[in-house]
Amino acid sequence: MSQGPFMFTVRYLLPVVVVIGGILVMTGGGEINLEGGAGIVSAGLAIYFINWLIRLGASGDRERQREQRAREYFDEHGRWPDARQLRERGERGDQPR
């Protein structure tokens, strides 16, 4: 699955920019700057990990669709398909009912 420039920006570039901004704030010195910068760094890491969780959840959806195609193949042919047969079935556009 290809990702466009917007998705790349949201997934990777935005968290990096936020973390770098937090580090820059931390270099300002003082306890307040350190605490504020740490909060900003934490926000950048949170952005990255939330994106990761969303991608992980989406991969689970693809796995469920693959399982459904395998069950439909089993119903039609009486045996469990191999990976090649599932790919062919998915490429033909057969979708779960």
C-alpha atoms as a PDB file:
ATOM      1  CA  MET A   1       0.000   0.000   0.000  1.00  0.00           C
ATOM      2  CA  SER A   2       1.557   3.256  -1.095  1.00  0.00           C
ATOM      3  CA  GLN A   3       1.349   6.333   1.034  1.00  0.00           C
ATOM      4  CA  GLY A   4       1.072   9.823  -0.315  1.00  0.00           C
ATOM      5  CA  PRO A   5       3.087  12.817   0.831  1.00  0.00           C
ATOM      6  CA  PHE A   6       0.357  13.883   3.272  1.00  0.00           C
ATOM      7  CA  MET A   7       0.365  10.514   5.050  1.00  0.00           C
ATOM      8  CA  PHE A   8       4.160  10.510   5.200  1.00  0.00           C
ATOM      9  CA  THR A   9       4.047  13.979   6.751  1.00  0.00           C
ATOM     10  CA  VAL A  10       1.494  12.996   9.395  1.00  0.00           C
ATOM     11  CA  ARG A  11       3.094   9.649  10.220  1.00  0.00           C
ATOM     12  CA  TYR A  12       6.755  10.589  10.350  1.00  0.00           C
ATOM     13  CA  LEU A  13       7.573  14.232   9.709  1.00  0.00           C
ATOM     14  CA  LEU A  14       5.119  15.776  12.191  1.00  0.00           C
ATOM     15  CA  PRO A  15       6.331  13.701  15.173  1.00  0.00           C
ATOM     16  CA  VAL A  16       9.963  14.416  14.299  1.00  0.00           C
ATOM     17  CA  VAL A  17       9.323  18.167  14.068  1.00  0.00           C
ATOM     18  CA  VAL A  18       7.461  18.182  17.392  1.00  0.00           C
ATOM     19  CA  VAL A  19      10.226  16.212  19.148  1.00  0.00           C
ATOM     20  CA  ILE A  20      12.918  18.506  17.725  1.00  0.00           C
ATOM     21  CA  GLY A  21      10.881  21.518  18.867  1.00  0.00           C
ATOM     22  CA  GLY A  22      10.700  20.053  22.358  1.00  0.00           C
ATOM     23  CA  ILE A  23      14.443  19.496  22.414  1.00  0.00           C
ATOM     24  CA  LEU A  24      15.003  23.090  21.324  1.00  0.00           C
ATOM     25  CA  VAL A  25      12.768  24.327  24.141  1.00  0.00           C
ATOM     26  CA  MET A  26      14.717  22.169  26.608  1.00  0.00           C
ATOM     27  CA  THR A  27      18.001  23.773  25.532  1.00  0.00           C
ATOM     28  CA  GLY A  28      16.685  27.156  26.689  1.00  0.00           C
ATOM     29  CA  GLY A  29      17.744  26.275  30.226  1.00  0.00           C
ATOM     30  CA  GLY A  30      15.801  26.511  33.415  1.00  0.00           C
ATOM     31  CA  GLU A  31      13.502  24.062  35.093  1.00  0.00           C
ATOM     32  CA  ILE A  32      10.380  25.375  33.366  1.00  0.00           C
ATOM     33  CA  ASN A  33      11.971  24.969  29.942  1.00  0.00           C
ATOM     34  CA  LEU A  34      13.054  21.431  30.754  1.00  0.00           C
ATOM     35  CA  GLU A  35       9.583  20.441  31.913  1.00  0.00           C
ATOM     36  CA  GLY A  36       7.850  22.155  29.002  1.00  0.00           C
ATOM     37  CA  GLY A  37      10.273  20.653  26.488  1.00  0.00           C
ATOM     38  CA  ALA A  38       9.777  17.200  27.974  1.00  0.00           C
ATOM     39  CA  GLY A  39       6.022  17.642  27.563  1.00  0.00           C
ATOM     40  CA  ILE A  40       6.470  18.645  23.932  1.00  0.00           C
ATOM     41  CA  VAL A  41       8.792  15.682  23.280  1.00  0.00           C
ATOM     42  CA  SER A  42       6.196  13.418  24.887  1.00  0.00           C
ATOM     43  CA  ALA A  43       3.514  14.863  22.608  1.00  0.00           C
ATOM     44  CA  GLY A  44       5.659  14.121  19.547  1.00  0.00           C
ATOM     45  CA  LEU A  45       6.190  10.547  20.683  1.00  0.00           C
ATOM     46  CA  ALA A  46       2.464  10.214  21.371  1.00  0.00           C
ATOM     47  CA  ILE A  47       1.675  11.350  17.808  1.00  0.00           C
ATOM     48  CA  TYR A  48       4.007   8.697  16.428  1.00  0.00           C
ATOM     49  CA  PHE A  49       2.645   5.881  18.596  1.00  0.00           C
ATOM     50  CA  ILE A  50      -0.992   6.764  17.916  1.00  0.00           C
ATOM     51  CA  ASN A  51      -0.243   6.590  14.187  1.00  0.00           C
ATOM     52  CA  TRP A  52       1.434   3.225  14.783  1.00  0.00           C
ATOM     53  CA  LEU A  53      -1.622   1.918  16.650  1.00  0.00           C
ATOM     54  CA  ILE A  54      -3.919   3.041  13.846  1.00  0.00           C
ATOM     55  CA  ARG A  55      -1.769   1.213  11.270  1.00  0.00           C
ATOM     56  CA  LEU A  56      -1.730  -1.854  13.496  1.00  0.00           C
ATOM     57  CA  GLY A  57      -5.522  -1.813  13.715  1.00  0.00           C
ATOM     58  CA  ALA A  58      -5.845  -1.441   9.953  1.00  0.00           C
ATOM     59  CA  SER A  59      -3.586  -4.454   9.410  1.00  0.00           C
ATOM     60  CA  GLY A  60      -5.974  -6.448  11.621  1.00  0.00           C
ATOM     61  CA  ASP A  61      -8.818  -5.516   9.271  1.00  0.00           C
ATOM     62  CA  ARG A  62      -6.822  -6.832   6.314  1.00  0.00           C
ATOM     63  CA  GLU A  63      -6.149 -10.048   8.224  1.00  0.00           C
ATOM     64  CA  ARG A  64      -9.875 -10.502   8.922  1.00  0.00           C
ATOM     65  CA  GLN A  65     -10.676  -9.961   5.244  1.00  0.00           C
ATOM     66  CA  ARG A  66      -8.051 -12.533   4.269  1.00  0.00           C
ATOM     67  CA  GLU A  67      -9.548 -14.991   6.775  1.00  0.00           C
ATOM     68  CA  GLN A  68     -13.032 -14.393   5.358  1.00  0.00           C
ATOM     69  CA  ARG A  69     -11.797 -15.092   1.804  1.00  0.00           C
ATOM     70  CA  ALA A  70     -10.181 -18.307   3.059  1.00  0.00           C
ATOM     71  CA  ARG A  71     -13.450 -19.403   4.679  1.00  0.00           C
ATOM     72  CA  GLU A  72     -15.385 -18.680   1.478  1.00  0.00           C
ATOM     73  CA  TYR A  73     -12.818 -20.665  -0.508  1.00  0.00           C
ATOM     74  CA  PHE A  74     -13.204 -23.541   1.958  1.00  0.00           C
ATOM     75  CA  ASP A  75     -16.996 -23.430   1.571  1.00  0.00           C
ATOM     76  CA  GLU A  76     -16.697 -23.607  -2.234  1.00  0.00           C
ATOM     77  CA  HIS A  77     -13.883 -26.186  -2.563  1.00  0.00           C
ATOM     78  CA  GLY A  78     -13.961 -28.220   0.653  1.00  0.00           C
ATOM     79  CA  ARG A  79     -10.317 -27.567   1.504  1.00  0.00           C
ATOM     80  CA  TRP A  80      -8.329 -24.714   3.002  1.00  0.00           C
ATOM     81  CA  PRO A  81      -6.572 -22.558   0.357  1.00  0.00           C
ATOM     82  CA  ASP A  82      -2.868 -21.864   0.173  1.00  0.00           C
ATOM     83  CA  ALA A  83      -1.537 -18.281   0.162  1.00  0.00           C
ATOM     84  CA  ARG A  84      -1.308 -18.096  -3.644  1.00  0.00           C
ATOM     85  CA  GLN A  85      -4.973 -18.991  -4.057  1.00  0.00           C
ATOM     86  CA  LEU A  86      -5.968 -16.349  -1.523  1.00  0.00           C
ATOM     87  CA  ARG A  87      -3.934 -13.690  -3.319  1.00  0.00           C
ATOM     88  CA  GLU A  88      -5.576 -14.601  -6.632  1.00  0.00           C
ATOM     89  CA  ARG A  89      -9.006 -14.474  -5.042  1.00  0.00           C
ATOM     90  CA  GLY A  90      -8.274 -11.066  -3.521  1.00  0.00           C
ATOM     91  CA  GLU A  91      -6.865  -9.668  -6.768  1.00  0.00           C
ATOM     92  CA  ARG A  92     -10.000 -10.691  -8.671  1.00  0.00           C
ATOM     93  CA  GLY A  93     -11.914  -8.363  -6.401  1.00  0.00           C
ATOM     94  CA  ASP A  94     -13.891 -11.027  -4.526  1.00  0.00           C
ATOM     95  CA  GLN A  95     -14.897  -9.382  -1.299  1.00  0.00           C
ATOM     96  CA  PRO A  96     -16.486 -10.857   1.819  1.00  0.00           C
ATOM     97  CA  ARG A  97     -20.253 -10.831   1.791  1.00  0.00           C
END
